C-alpha atoms as a PDB file:
ATOM      1  CA  MET A   1       0.000   0.000   0.000  1.00  0.00           C
ATOM      2  CA  ARG A   2       2.785   2.415   0.836  1.00  0.00           C
ATOM      3  CA  GLU A   3       4.317   1.866  -2.607  1.00  0.00           C
ATOM      4  CA  VAL A   4       0.992   2.565  -4.358  1.00  0.00           C
ATOM      5  CA  LEU A   5       0.551   5.790  -2.402  1.00  0.00           C
ATOM      6  CA  ALA A   6       4.165   6.766  -3.102  1.00  0.00           C
ATOM      7  CA  GLN A   7       3.509   6.284  -6.834  1.00  0.00           C
ATOM      8  CA  PHE A   8       0.244   8.215  -6.475  1.00  0.00           C
ATOM      9  CA  SER A   9       2.119  11.085  -4.823  1.00  0.00           C
ATOM     10  CA  ASN A  10       4.809  11.001  -7.534  1.00  0.00           C
ATOM     11  CA  GLY A  11       2.142  11.191 -10.243  1.00  0.00           C
ATOM     12  CA  TYR A  12       0.714  14.312  -8.635  1.00  0.00           C
ATOM     13  CA  GLN A  13       4.159  15.850  -8.175  1.00  0.00           C
ATOM     14  CA  ARG A  14       4.942  15.256 -11.877  1.00  0.00           C
ATOM     15  CA  LEU A  15       1.460  16.598 -12.772  1.00  0.00           C
ATOM     16  CA  ASP A  16       0.983  13.357 -14.708  1.00  0.00           C
ATOM     17  CA  ALA A  17      -2.742  12.594 -14.964  1.00  0.00           C
ATOM     18  CA  ALA A  18      -2.136   9.314 -16.840  1.00  0.00           C
ATOM     19  CA  ALA A  19       0.110   8.008 -14.039  1.00  0.00           C
ATOM     20  CA  VAL A  20      -2.474   8.923 -11.408  1.00  0.00           C
ATOM     21  CA  ARG A  21      -5.281   7.320 -13.442  1.00  0.00           C
ATOM     22  CA  ARG A  22      -3.331   4.025 -13.710  1.00  0.00           C
ATOM     23  CA  LEU A  23      -3.380   3.852  -9.903  1.00  0.00           C
ATOM     24  CA  TRP A  24      -6.822   5.400  -9.471  1.00  0.00           C
ATOM     25  CA  PRO A  25      -9.017   4.463 -12.449  1.00  0.00           C
ATOM     26  CA  GLY A  26     -11.926   6.435 -10.986  1.00  0.00           C
ATOM     27  CA  ALA A  27      -9.973   9.703 -10.752  1.00  0.00           C
ATOM     28  CA  PRO A  28     -11.976  12.790 -11.721  1.00  0.00           C
ATOM     29  CA  ALA A  29     -12.271  13.345 -15.469  1.00  0.00           C
ATOM     30  CA  THR A  30     -11.041  16.921 -14.916  1.00  0.00           C
ATOM     31  CA  LEU A  31      -7.680  15.830 -13.496  1.00  0.00           C
ATOM     32  CA  ARG A  32      -5.707  16.650 -16.659  1.00  0.00           C
ATOM     33  CA  GLU A  33      -7.227  20.150 -16.813  1.00  0.00           C
ATOM     34  CA  SER A  34      -6.552  20.682 -13.110  1.00  0.00           C
ATOM     35  CA  PHE A  35      -2.906  19.749 -13.602  1.00  0.00           C
ATOM     36  CA  ALA A  36      -2.633  22.132 -16.585  1.00  0.00           C
ATOM     37  CA  ASP A  37      -3.505  24.985 -14.201  1.00  0.00           C
ATOM     38  CA  MET A  38      -0.689  24.057 -11.777  1.00  0.00           C
ATOM     39  CA  ARG A  39       2.946  25.119 -11.725  1.00  0.00           C
ATOM     40  CA  SER A  40       3.796  22.590  -9.006  1.00  0.00           C
ATOM     41  CA  TYR A  41       2.078  20.156  -6.665  1.00  0.00           C
ATOM     42  CA  GLN A  42       3.597  18.549  -3.594  1.00  0.00           C
ATOM     43  CA  LEU A  43       1.691  15.710  -1.919  1.00  0.00           C
ATOM     44  CA  THR A  44       2.837  13.911   1.212  1.00  0.00           C
ATOM     45  CA  PHE A  45       1.164  11.572   3.699  1.00  0.00           C
ATOM     46  CA  GLU A  46       1.536  11.482   7.477  1.00  0.00           C
ATOM     47  CA  ASN A  47       0.349   9.103  10.189  1.00  0.00           C
ATOM     48  CA  MET A  48      -0.551   6.370   7.706  1.00  0.00           C
ATOM     49  CA  GLN A  49      -2.621   3.509   9.147  1.00  0.00           C
ATOM     50  CA  ILE A  50      -3.155   0.459   6.906  1.00  0.00           C
ATOM     51  CA  SER A  51      -5.802  -2.227   7.312  1.00  0.00           C
ATOM     52  CA  VAL A  52      -5.887  -5.173   4.883  1.00  0.00           C
ATOM     53  CA  ARG A  53      -8.836  -7.537   4.686  1.00  0.00           C
ATOM     54  CA  GLY A  54      -8.524 -10.111   1.925  1.00  0.00           C
ATOM     55  CA  ASP A  55      -8.459  -8.343  -1.433  1.00  0.00           C
ATOM     56  CA  THR A  56      -9.324  -4.915  -0.038  1.00  0.00           C
ATOM     57  CA  ALA A  57      -7.410  -2.417   2.032  1.00  0.00           C
ATOM     58  CA  THR A  58      -8.137   0.845   3.800  1.00  0.00           C
ATOM     59  CA  VAL A  59      -5.491   3.481   4.406  1.00  0.00           C
ATOM     60  CA  THR A  60      -6.205   6.395   6.714  1.00  0.00           C
ATOM     61  CA  THR A  61      -3.739   9.240   6.659  1.00  0.00           C
ATOM     62  CA  VAL A  62      -3.305  12.993   6.735  1.00  0.00           C
ATOM     63  CA  ARG A  63      -2.812  14.287   3.210  1.00  0.00           C
ATOM     64  CA  ARG A  64      -0.596  17.388   3.060  1.00  0.00           C
ATOM     65  CA  ILE A  65      -0.803  19.379  -0.156  1.00  0.00           C
ATOM     66  CA  LYS A  66       1.207  22.370  -1.355  1.00  0.00           C
ATOM     67  CA  ALA A  67      -0.131  23.443  -4.734  1.00  0.00           C
ATOM     68  CA  GLN A  68       1.269  26.342  -6.736  1.00  0.00           C
ATOM     69  CA  PRO A  69      -1.144  27.419  -9.467  1.00  0.00           C
ATOM     70  CA  GLN A  70       0.117  29.043 -12.674  1.00  0.00           C
ATOM     71  CA  ALA A  71      -1.493  32.251 -11.425  1.00  0.00           C
ATOM     72  CA  GLY A  72      -2.017  33.029  -7.775  1.00  0.00           C
ATOM     73  CA  ARG A  73      -0.603  32.194  -4.398  1.00  0.00           C
ATOM     74  CA  LEU A  74       0.673  28.912  -2.999  1.00  0.00           C
ATOM     75  CA  GLN A  75      -2.197  26.884  -1.556  1.00  0.00           C
ATOM     76  CA  GLU A  76      -1.550  24.640   1.437  1.00  0.00           C
ATOM     77  CA  THR A  77      -4.045  22.158   2.873  1.00  0.00           C
ATOM     78  CA  ASN A  78      -3.938  19.322   5.379  1.00  0.00           C
ATOM     79  CA  ALA A  79      -6.845  16.914   5.290  1.00  0.00           C
ATOM     80  CA  PRO A  80      -7.632  13.606   6.984  1.00  0.00           C
ATOM     81  CA  THR A  81      -8.080  11.195   4.074  1.00  0.00           C
ATOM     82  CA  THR A  82      -9.231   7.606   3.638  1.00  0.00           C
ATOM     83  CA  PHE A  83      -8.112   5.568   0.621  1.00  0.00           C
ATOM     84  CA  THR A  84      -9.909   2.350  -0.268  1.00  0.00           C
ATOM     85  CA  LEU A  85      -7.841  -0.039  -2.402  1.00  0.00           C
ATOM     86  CA  ARG A  86      -8.461  -3.402  -4.027  1.00  0.00           C
ATOM     87  CA  ARG A  87      -6.180  -6.093  -5.305  1.00  0.00           C
ATOM     88  CA  ALA A  88      -6.020  -6.082  -9.116  1.00  0.00           C
ATOM     89  CA  GLY A  89      -3.762  -8.381 -11.089  1.00  0.00           C
ATOM     90  CA  GLY A  90      -0.428  -8.495  -9.306  1.00  0.00           C
ATOM     91  CA  GLY A  91      -0.881  -5.251  -7.386  1.00  0.00           C
ATOM     92  CA  TRP A  92      -3.285  -2.764  -5.869  1.00  0.00           C
ATOM     93  CA  VAL A  93      -5.410   0.035  -7.308  1.00  0.00           C
ATOM     94  CA  ILE A  94      -7.238   2.853  -5.568  1.00  0.00           C
ATOM     95  CA  ASP A  95     -11.030   2.550  -5.591  1.00  0.00           C
ATOM     96  CA  SER A  96     -11.837   5.722  -3.693  1.00  0.00           C
ATOM     97  CA  VAL A  97     -10.328   8.741  -1.981  1.00  0.00           C
ATOM     98  CA  ARG A  98     -12.410  10.418   0.710  1.00  0.00           C
END
């Protein structure tokens, strides 16, 4: 799970919608447009708690975001977040982010 979320974070930091969508097939359709409006995006996770039950997993964490839009000021947010993942093929994919 940690590796999937690390790849998820890297996709956001590279502003790579295709990379994020490979990990999170249900990502918002507007993700590519949102990334086009960003100069940079830093995403980190703190206090990660992982619970695996068969082919599903839940990760609770604090998501820390520093987003620099093309125009405007740096935006910083910290939000408690729950990821739901499922086993797919030889790995895991994200089903939901709440």
